[in-house]
């Protein structure tokens, strides 16, 4: 997923009513790579990038995207994984 500012996105922001509590994301993204190691194992790498105003802002992004990775893993890991051990 990549977020990029475009002319049409700018027009959408202008068309919205002013919202002082909304901050638009103008650039950034996430990338998840899945590599099959063998018949029963995959390697997962997860990267993200975004401009940040401060260290605290960067930590906030990190937590949000880590939560996304955790939600994704719950979708792909079988619920009966522990039963098969």
PDB file of N, CA and C in Angstrom:
ATOM      1  N   UNK A   1       0.850  -1.160   0.000  1.00  0.00           N
ATOM      2  CA  UNK A   1       0.000   0.000   0.000  1.00  0.00           C
ATOM      3  C   UNK A   1       0.898   1.225   0.000  1.00  0.00           C
ATOM      4  N   UNK A   2       0.608   2.169  -0.883  1.00  0.00           N
ATOM      5  CA  UNK A   2       1.368   3.413  -0.949  1.00  0.00           C
ATOM      6  C   UNK A   2       0.388   4.571  -0.920  1.00  0.00           C
ATOM      7  N   UNK A   3       0.706   5.573  -0.119  1.00  0.00           N
ATOM      8  CA  UNK A   3      -0.076   6.799  -0.074  1.00  0.00           C
ATOM      9  C   UNK A   3       0.749   7.871  -0.773  1.00  0.00           C
ATOM     10  N   UNK A   4       0.192   8.492  -1.782  1.00  0.00           N
ATOM     11  CA  UNK A   4       0.893   9.558  -2.500  1.00  0.00           C
ATOM     12  C   UNK A   4      -0.064  10.716  -2.732  1.00  0.00           C
ATOM     13  N   UNK A   5       0.441  11.916  -2.584  1.00  0.00           N
ATOM     14  CA  UNK A   5      -0.382  13.089  -2.820  1.00  0.00           C
ATOM     15  C   UNK A   5      -0.481  13.330  -4.326  1.00  0.00           C
ATOM     16  N   UNK A   6      -1.684  13.538  -4.806  1.00  0.00           N
ATOM     17  CA  UNK A   6      -1.906  13.811  -6.223  1.00  0.00           C
ATOM     18  C   UNK A   6      -2.811  15.031  -6.353  1.00  0.00           C
ATOM     19  N   UNK A   7      -2.941  15.503  -7.564  1.00  0.00           N
ATOM     20  CA  UNK A   7      -3.814  16.654  -7.803  1.00  0.00           C
ATOM     21  C   UNK A   7      -5.264  16.319  -7.453  1.00  0.00           C
ATOM     22  N   UNK A   8      -5.717  15.114  -7.799  1.00  0.00           N
ATOM     23  CA  UNK A   8      -7.107  14.747  -7.477  1.00  0.00           C
ATOM     24  C   UNK A   8      -7.306  14.611  -5.963  1.00  0.00           C
ATOM     25  N   UNK A   9      -6.288  14.114  -5.242  1.00  0.00           N
ATOM     26  CA  UNK A   9      -6.395  14.052  -3.782  1.00  0.00           C
ATOM     27  C   UNK A   9      -6.489  15.451  -3.186  1.00  0.00           C
ATOM     28  N   UNK A  10      -5.723  16.375  -3.736  1.00  0.00           N
ATOM     29  CA  UNK A  10      -5.781  17.753  -3.250  1.00  0.00           C
ATOM     30  C   UNK A  10      -7.170  18.343  -3.483  1.00  0.00           C
ATOM     31  N   UNK A  11      -7.760  18.070  -4.644  1.00  0.00           N
ATOM     32  CA  UNK A  11      -9.113  18.554  -4.925  1.00  0.00           C
ATOM     33  C   UNK A  11     -10.121  17.955  -3.948  1.00  0.00           C
ATOM     34  N   UNK A  12      -9.953  16.683  -3.586  1.00  0.00           N
ATOM     35  CA  UNK A  12     -10.841  16.054  -2.599  1.00  0.00           C
ATOM     36  C   UNK A  12     -10.715  16.727  -1.243  1.00  0.00           C
ATOM     37  N   UNK A  13      -9.485  17.032  -0.840  1.00  0.00           N
ATOM     38  CA  UNK A  13      -9.284  17.698   0.454  1.00  0.00           C
ATOM     39  C   UNK A  13      -9.921  19.080   0.460  1.00  0.00           C
ATOM     40  N   UNK A  14      -9.790  19.807  -0.649  1.00  0.00           N
ATOM     41  CA  UNK A  14     -10.375  21.142  -0.754  1.00  0.00           C
ATOM     42  C   UNK A  14     -11.898  21.057  -0.703  1.00  0.00           C
ATOM     43  N   UNK A  15     -12.476  20.018  -1.299  1.00  0.00           N
ATOM     44  CA  UNK A  15     -13.933  19.861  -1.341  1.00  0.00           C
ATOM     45  C   UNK A  15     -14.523  19.513   0.022  1.00  0.00           C
ATOM     46  N   UNK A  16     -13.725  18.900   0.911  1.00  0.00           N
ATOM     47  CA  UNK A  16     -14.218  18.534   2.243  1.00  0.00           C
ATOM     48  C   UNK A  16     -14.459  19.794   3.070  1.00  0.00           C
ATOM     49  N   UNK A  17     -15.414  19.702   3.983  1.00  0.00           N
ATOM     50  CA  UNK A  17     -15.624  20.791   4.926  1.00  0.00           C
ATOM     51  C   UNK A  17     -14.397  20.897   5.830  1.00  0.00           C
ATOM     52  N   UNK A  18     -14.040  22.097   6.274  1.00  0.00           N
ATOM     53  CA  UNK A  18     -12.892  22.218   7.194  1.00  0.00           C
ATOM     54  C   UNK A  18     -13.101  21.357   8.445  1.00  0.00           C
ATOM     55  N   UNK A  19     -12.089  20.582   8.780  1.00  0.00           N
ATOM     56  CA  UNK A  19     -12.141  19.697   9.943  1.00  0.00           C
ATOM     57  C   UNK A  19     -10.851  19.895  10.742  1.00  0.00           C
ATOM     58  N   UNK A  20     -10.887  20.718  11.780  1.00  0.00           N
ATOM     59  CA  UNK A  20      -9.647  21.031  12.505  1.00  0.00           C
ATOM     60  C   UNK A  20      -9.004  19.819  13.185  1.00  0.00           C
ATOM     61  N   UNK A  21      -9.762  18.764  13.437  1.00  0.00           N
ATOM     62  CA  UNK A  21      -9.205  17.588  14.110  1.00  0.00           C
ATOM     63  C   UNK A  21      -8.725  16.523  13.121  1.00  0.00           C
ATOM     64  N   UNK A  22      -8.703  16.831  11.814  1.00  0.00           N
ATOM     65  CA  UNK A  22      -8.264  15.876  10.793  1.00  0.00           C
ATOM     66  C   UNK A  22      -6.933  16.329  10.216  1.00  0.00           C
ATOM     67  N   UNK A  23      -5.979  15.400  10.171  1.00  0.00           N
ATOM     68  CA  UNK A  23      -4.697  15.670   9.527  1.00  0.00           C
ATOM     69  C   UNK A  23      -4.545  14.687   8.370  1.00  0.00           C
ATOM     70  N   UNK A  24      -4.429  15.193   7.163  1.00  0.00           N
ATOM     71  CA  UNK A  24      -4.358  14.358   5.968  1.00  0.00           C
ATOM     72  C   UNK A  24      -2.976  13.738   5.834  1.00  0.00           C
ATOM     73  N   UNK A  25      -2.926  12.470   5.478  1.00  0.00           N
ATOM     74  CA  UNK A  25      -1.662  11.801   5.170  1.00  0.00           C
ATOM     75  C   UNK A  25      -1.364  12.079   3.704  1.00  0.00           C
ATOM     76  N   UNK A  26      -0.177  12.639   3.441  1.00  0.00           N
ATOM     77  CA  UNK A  26       0.170  13.010   2.076  1.00  0.00           C
ATOM     78  C   UNK A  26       1.151  12.047   1.428  1.00  0.00           C
ATOM     79  N   UNK A  27       1.873  11.287   2.229  1.00  0.00           N
ATOM     80  CA  UNK A  27       2.782  10.299   1.657  1.00  0.00           C
ATOM     81  C   UNK A  27       3.109   9.248   2.707  1.00  0.00           C
ATOM     82  N   UNK A  28       3.533   8.088   2.246  1.00  0.00           N
ATOM     83  CA  UNK A  28       3.901   6.997   3.136  1.00  0.00           C
ATOM     84  C   UNK A  28       3.480   5.676   2.523  1.00  0.00           C
ATOM     85  N   UNK A  29       3.716   4.608   3.251  1.00  0.00           N
ATOM     86  CA  UNK A  29       3.299   3.318   2.734  1.00  0.00           C
ATOM     87  C   UNK A  29       3.764   2.159   3.583  1.00  0.00           C
ATOM     88  N   UNK A  30       3.292   0.996   3.222  1.00  0.00           N
ATOM     89  CA  UNK A  30       3.672  -0.254   3.876  1.00  0.00           C
ATOM     90  C   UNK A  30       3.931  -1.303   2.802  1.00  0.00           C
ATOM     91  N   UNK A  31       4.790  -2.240   3.123  1.00  0.00           N
ATOM     92  CA  UNK A  31       5.100  -3.318   2.187  1.00  0.00           C
ATOM     93  C   UNK A  31       5.274  -4.603   2.987  1.00  0.00           C
ATOM     94  N   UNK A  32       4.551  -5.629   2.621  1.00  0.00           N
ATOM     95  CA  UNK A  32       4.688  -6.925   3.270  1.00  0.00           C
ATOM     96  C   UNK A  32       5.123  -7.935   2.211  1.00  0.00           C
ATOM     97  N   UNK A  33       6.211  -8.638   2.498  1.00  0.00           N
ATOM     98  CA  UNK A  33       6.749  -9.623   1.558  1.00  0.00           C
ATOM     99  C   UNK A  33       6.664 -11.005   2.189  1.00  0.00           C
ATOM    100  N   UNK A  34       6.065 -11.952   1.476  1.00  0.00           N
ATOM    101  CA  UNK A  34       5.943 -13.333   1.933  1.00  0.00           C
ATOM    102  C   UNK A  34       6.818 -14.206   1.042  1.00  0.00           C
ATOM    103  N   UNK A  35       7.712 -14.984   1.664  1.00  0.00           N
ATOM    104  CA  UNK A  35       8.602 -15.866   0.914  1.00  0.00           C
ATOM    105  C   UNK A  35       8.448 -17.280   1.441  1.00  0.00           C
ATOM    106  N   UNK A  36       8.141 -18.227   0.557  1.00  0.00           N
ATOM    107  CA  UNK A  36       8.018 -19.622   0.974  1.00  0.00           C
ATOM    108  C   UNK A  36       9.413 -20.201   1.166  1.00  0.00           C
ATOM    109  N   UNK A  37       9.698 -20.665   2.395  1.00  0.00           N
ATOM    110  CA  UNK A  37      10.996 -21.242   2.725  1.00  0.00           C
ATOM    111  C   UNK A  37      11.007 -22.725   2.379  1.00  0.00           C
ATOM    112  N   UNK A  38       9.959 -23.424   2.811  1.00  0.00           N
ATOM    113  CA  UNK A  38       9.799 -24.844   2.480  1.00  0.00           C
ATOM    114  C   UNK A  38       8.304 -25.157   2.500  1.00  0.00           C
ATOM    115  N   UNK A  39       7.958 -26.435   2.542  1.00  0.00           N
ATOM    116  CA  UNK A  39       6.550 -26.833   2.466  1.00  0.00           C
ATOM    117  C   UNK A  39       5.696 -26.312   3.619  1.00  0.00           C
ATOM    118  N   UNK A  40       6.301 -26.075   4.786  1.00  0.00           N
ATOM    119  CA  UNK A  40       5.516 -25.696   5.962  1.00  0.00           C
ATOM    120  C   UNK A  40       5.900 -24.348   6.553  1.00  0.00           C
ATOM    121  N   UNK A  41       6.814 -23.616   5.913  1.00  0.00           N
ATOM    122  CA  UNK A  41       7.322 -22.378   6.506  1.00  0.00           C
ATOM    123  C   UNK A  41       7.317 -21.242   5.488  1.00  0.00           C
ATOM    124  N   UNK A  42       6.889 -20.057   5.957  1.00  0.00           N
ATOM    125  CA  UNK A  42       7.034 -18.856   5.149  1.00  0.00           C
ATOM    126  C   UNK A  42       7.793 -17.816   5.963  1.00  0.00           C
ATOM    127  N   UNK A  43       8.523 -16.972   5.267  1.00  0.00           N
ATOM    128  CA  UNK A  43       9.232 -15.857   5.885  1.00  0.00           C
ATOM    129  C   UNK A  43       8.433 -14.598   5.572  1.00  0.00           C
ATOM    130  N   UNK A  44       8.164 -13.781   6.598  1.00  0.00           N
ATOM    131  CA  UNK A  44       7.385 -12.565   6.420  1.00  0.00           C
ATOM    132  C   UNK A  44       8.254 -11.374   6.784  1.00  0.00           C
ATOM    133  N   UNK A  45       8.351 -10.403   5.882  1.00  0.00           N
ATOM    134  CA  UNK A  45       9.020  -9.143   6.221  1.00  0.00           C
ATOM    135  C   UNK A  45       8.018  -8.016   6.023  1.00  0.00           C
ATOM    136  N   UNK A  46       8.080  -7.037   6.909  1.00  0.00           N
ATOM    137  CA  UNK A  46       7.117  -5.938   6.914  1.00  0.00           C
ATOM    138  C   UNK A  46       7.893  -4.642   7.061  1.00  0.00           C
ATOM    139  N   UNK A  47       7.755  -3.737   6.105  1.00  0.00           N
ATOM    140  CA  UNK A  47       8.427  -2.441   6.142  1.00  0.00           C
ATOM    141  C   UNK A  47       7.391  -1.340   5.991  1.00  0.00           C
ATOM    142  N   UNK A  48       7.711  -0.171   6.518  1.00  0.00           N
ATOM    143  CA  UNK A  48       6.828   0.979   6.381  1.00  0.00           C
ATOM    144  C   UNK A  48       7.658   2.245   6.291  1.00  0.00           C
ATOM    145  N   UNK A  49       7.076   3.290   5.723  1.00  0.00           N
ATOM    146  CA  UNK A  49       7.732   4.585   5.681  1.00  0.00           C
ATOM    147  C   UNK A  49       6.670   5.681   5.702  1.00  0.00           C
ATOM    148  N   UNK A  50       7.018   6.785   6.333  1.00  0.00           N
ATOM    149  CA  UNK A  50       6.127   7.938   6.407  1.00  0.00           C
ATOM    150  C   UNK A  50       6.913   9.117   6.966  1.00  0.00           C
ATOM    151  N   UNK A  51       6.575  10.320   6.529  1.00  0.00           N
ATOM    152  CA  UNK A  51       7.214  11.489   7.132  1.00  0.00           C
ATOM    153  C   UNK A  51       6.649  11.698   8.535  1.00  0.00           C
ATOM    154  N   UNK A  52       7.502  12.032   9.474  1.00  0.00           N
ATOM    155  CA  UNK A  52       7.064  12.204  10.862  1.00  0.00           C
ATOM    156  C   UNK A  52       7.498  13.567  11.381  1.00  0.00           C
ATOM    157  N   UNK A  53       6.656  14.147  12.206  1.00  0.00           N
ATOM    158  CA  UNK A  53       6.948  15.456  12.779  1.00  0.00           C
ATOM    159  C   UNK A  53       7.844  15.363  14.007  1.00  0.00           C
ATOM    160  N   UNK A  54       7.851  14.204  14.668  1.00  0.00           N
ATOM    161  CA  UNK A  54       8.627  14.046  15.898  1.00  0.00           C
ATOM    162  C   UNK A  54       8.826  12.554  16.171  1.00  0.00           C
ATOM    163  N   UNK A  55       9.634  12.253  17.173  1.00  0.00           N
ATOM    164  CA  UNK A  55       9.844  10.861  17.576  1.00  0.00           C
ATOM    165  C   UNK A  55       8.528  10.244  18.055  1.00  0.00           C
ATOM    166  N   UNK A  56       7.758  11.013  18.793  1.00  0.00           N
ATOM    167  CA  UNK A  56       6.470  10.506  19.290  1.00  0.00           C
ATOM    168  C   UNK A  56       5.528  10.187  18.121  1.00  0.00           C
ATOM    169  N   UNK A  57       5.511  11.051  17.121  1.00  0.00           N
ATOM    170  CA  UNK A  57       4.693  10.820  15.933  1.00  0.00           C
ATOM    171  C   UNK A  57       5.125   9.532  15.236  1.00  0.00           C
ATOM    172  N   UNK A  58       6.439   9.310  15.125  1.00  0.00           N
ATOM    173  CA  UNK A  58       6.968   8.089  14.502  1.00  0.00           C
ATOM    174  C   UNK A  58       6.558   6.854  15.301  1.00  0.00           C
ATOM    175  N   UNK A  59       6.615   6.943  16.632  1.00  0.00           N
ATOM    176  CA  UNK A  59       6.216   5.811  17.470  1.00  0.00           C
ATOM    177  C   UNK A  59       4.731   5.504  17.289  1.00  0.00           C
ATOM    178  N   UNK A  60       3.927   6.538  17.133  1.00  0.00           N
ATOM    179  CA  UNK A  60       2.490   6.347  16.909  1.00  0.00           C
ATOM    180  C   UNK A  60       2.259   5.571  15.610  1.00  0.00           C
ATOM    181  N   UNK A  61       2.954   5.977  14.517  1.00  0.00           N
ATOM    182  CA  UNK A  61       2.858   5.236  13.255  1.00  0.00           C
ATOM    183  C   UNK A  61       3.294   3.789  13.435  1.00  0.00           C
ATOM    184  N   UNK A  62       4.392   3.589  14.157  1.00  0.00           N
ATOM    185  CA  UNK A  62       4.910   2.236  14.356  1.00  0.00           C
ATOM    186  C   UNK A  62       3.856   1.354  15.017  1.00  0.00           C
ATOM    187  N   UNK A  63       3.212   1.866  16.050  1.00  0.00           N
ATOM    188  CA  UNK A  63       2.182   1.099  16.757  1.00  0.00           C
ATOM    189  C   UNK A  63       1.000   0.800  15.830  1.00  0.00           C
ATOM    190  N   UNK A  64       0.559   1.795  15.064  1.00  0.00           N
ATOM    191  CA  UNK A  64      -0.568   1.570  14.152  1.00  0.00           C
ATOM    192  C   UNK A  64      -0.254   0.491  13.133  1.00  0.00           C
ATOM    193  N   UNK A  65       0.934   0.547  12.537  1.00  0.00           N
ATOM    194  CA  UNK A  65       1.268  -0.429  11.509  1.00  0.00           C
ATOM    195  C   UNK A  65       1.592  -1.793  12.106  1.00  0.00           C
ATOM    196  N   UNK A  66       2.114  -1.833  13.323  1.00  0.00           N
ATOM    197  CA  UNK A  66       2.314  -3.124  13.985  1.00  0.00           C
ATOM    198  C   UNK A  66       0.958  -3.779  14.265  1.00  0.00           C
ATOM    199  N   UNK A  67      -0.019  -2.976  14.665  1.00  0.00           N
ATOM    200  CA  UNK A  67      -1.367  -3.510  14.868  1.00  0.00           C
ATOM    201  C   UNK A  67      -1.927  -4.070  13.561  1.00  0.00           C
ATOM    202  N   UNK A  68      -1.663  -3.398  12.450  1.00  0.00           N
ATOM    203  CA  UNK A  68      -2.121  -3.896  11.145  1.00  0.00           C
ATOM    204  C   UNK A  68      -1.497  -5.247  10.833  1.00  0.00           C
ATOM    205  N   UNK A  69      -0.208  -5.381  11.105  1.00  0.00           N
ATOM    206  CA  UNK A  69       0.474  -6.659  10.856  1.00  0.00           C
ATOM    207  C   UNK A  69      -0.106  -7.761  11.737  1.00  0.00           C
ATOM    208  N   UNK A  70      -0.416  -7.441  12.993  1.00  0.00           N
ATOM    209  CA  UNK A  70      -1.004  -8.442  13.898  1.00  0.00           C
ATOM    210  C   UNK A  70      -2.392  -8.863  13.424  1.00  0.00           C
ATOM    211  N   UNK A  71      -3.195  -7.892  12.986  1.00  0.00           N
ATOM    212  CA  UNK A  71      -4.532  -8.233  12.470  1.00  0.00           C
ATOM    213  C   UNK A  71      -4.409  -9.121  11.240  1.00  0.00           C
ATOM    214  N   UNK A  72      -3.463  -8.797  10.357  1.00  0.00           N
ATOM    215  CA  UNK A  72      -3.263  -9.596   9.152  1.00  0.00           C
ATOM    216  C   UNK A  72      -2.859 -11.018   9.537  1.00  0.00           C
ATOM    217  N   UNK A  73      -1.954 -11.155  10.512  1.00  0.00           N
ATOM    218  CA  UNK A  73      -1.489 -12.497  10.881  1.00  0.00           C
ATOM    219  C   UNK A  73      -2.630 -13.342  11.439  1.00  0.00           C
ATOM    220  N   UNK A  74      -3.572 -12.723  12.142  1.00  0.00           N
ATOM    221  CA  UNK A  74      -4.721 -13.480  12.657  1.00  0.00           C
ATOM    222  C   UNK A  74      -5.591 -13.995  11.515  1.00  0.00           C
ATOM    223  N   UNK A  75      -5.561 -13.308  10.381  1.00  0.00           N
ATOM    224  CA  UNK A  75      -6.353 -13.753   9.234  1.00  0.00           C
ATOM    225  C   UNK A  75      -5.721 -14.938   8.517  1.00  0.00           C
ATOM    226  N   UNK A  76      -4.391 -15.023   8.527  1.00  0.00           N
ATOM    227  CA  UNK A  76      -3.725 -16.056   7.731  1.00  0.00           C
ATOM    228  C   UNK A  76      -3.265 -17.266   8.534  1.00  0.00           C
ATOM    229  N   UNK A  77      -3.151 -17.135   9.852  1.00  0.00           N
ATOM    230  CA  UNK A  77      -2.726 -18.271  10.675  1.00  0.00           C
ATOM    231  C   UNK A  77      -3.963 -19.090  11.025  1.00  0.00           C
ATOM    232  N   UNK A  78      -3.948 -20.381  10.750  1.00  0.00           N
ATOM    233  CA  UNK A  78      -5.111 -21.216  11.059  1.00  0.00           C
ATOM    234  C   UNK A  78      -5.428 -21.205  12.557  1.00  0.00           C
ATOM    235  N   UNK A  79      -6.706 -21.197  12.879  1.00  0.00           N
ATOM    236  CA  UNK A  79      -7.118 -21.196  14.277  1.00  0.00           C
ATOM    237  C   UNK A  79      -6.749 -22.497  14.982  1.00  0.00           C
ATOM    238  N   UNK A  80      -6.610 -23.586  14.250  1.00  0.00           N
ATOM    239  CA  UNK A  80      -6.307 -24.878  14.862  1.00  0.00           C
ATOM    240  C   UNK A  80      -4.804 -25.153  14.907  1.00  0.00           C
ATOM    241  N   UNK A  81      -3.975 -24.129  14.760  1.00  0.00           N
ATOM    242  CA  UNK A  81      -2.527 -24.314  14.731  1.00  0.00           C
ATOM    243  C   UNK A  81      -2.023 -24.981  16.014  1.00  0.00           C
ATOM    244  N   UNK A  82      -2.527 -24.575  17.163  1.00  0.00           N
ATOM    245  CA  UNK A  82      -2.063 -25.155  18.423  1.00  0.00           C
ATOM    246  C   UNK A  82      -2.532 -26.599  18.589  1.00  0.00           C
ATOM    247  N   UNK A  83      -3.670 -26.933  18.027  1.00  0.00           N
ATOM    248  CA  UNK A  83      -4.172 -28.301  18.129  1.00  0.00           C
ATOM    249  C   UNK A  83      -3.301 -29.293  17.369  1.00  0.00           C
ATOM    250  N   UNK A  84      -2.585 -28.834  16.357  1.00  0.00           N
ATOM    251  CA  UNK A  84      -1.807 -29.742  15.517  1.00  0.00           C
ATOM    252  C   UNK A  84      -0.443 -30.071  16.103  1.00  0.00           C
ATOM    253  N   UNK A  85      -0.080 -29.485  17.238  1.00  0.00           N
ATOM    254  CA  UNK A  85       1.241 -29.739  17.837  1.00  0.00           C
ATOM    255  C   UNK A  85       1.231 -31.003  18.646  1.00  0.00           C
TER     256      UNK A  85
END
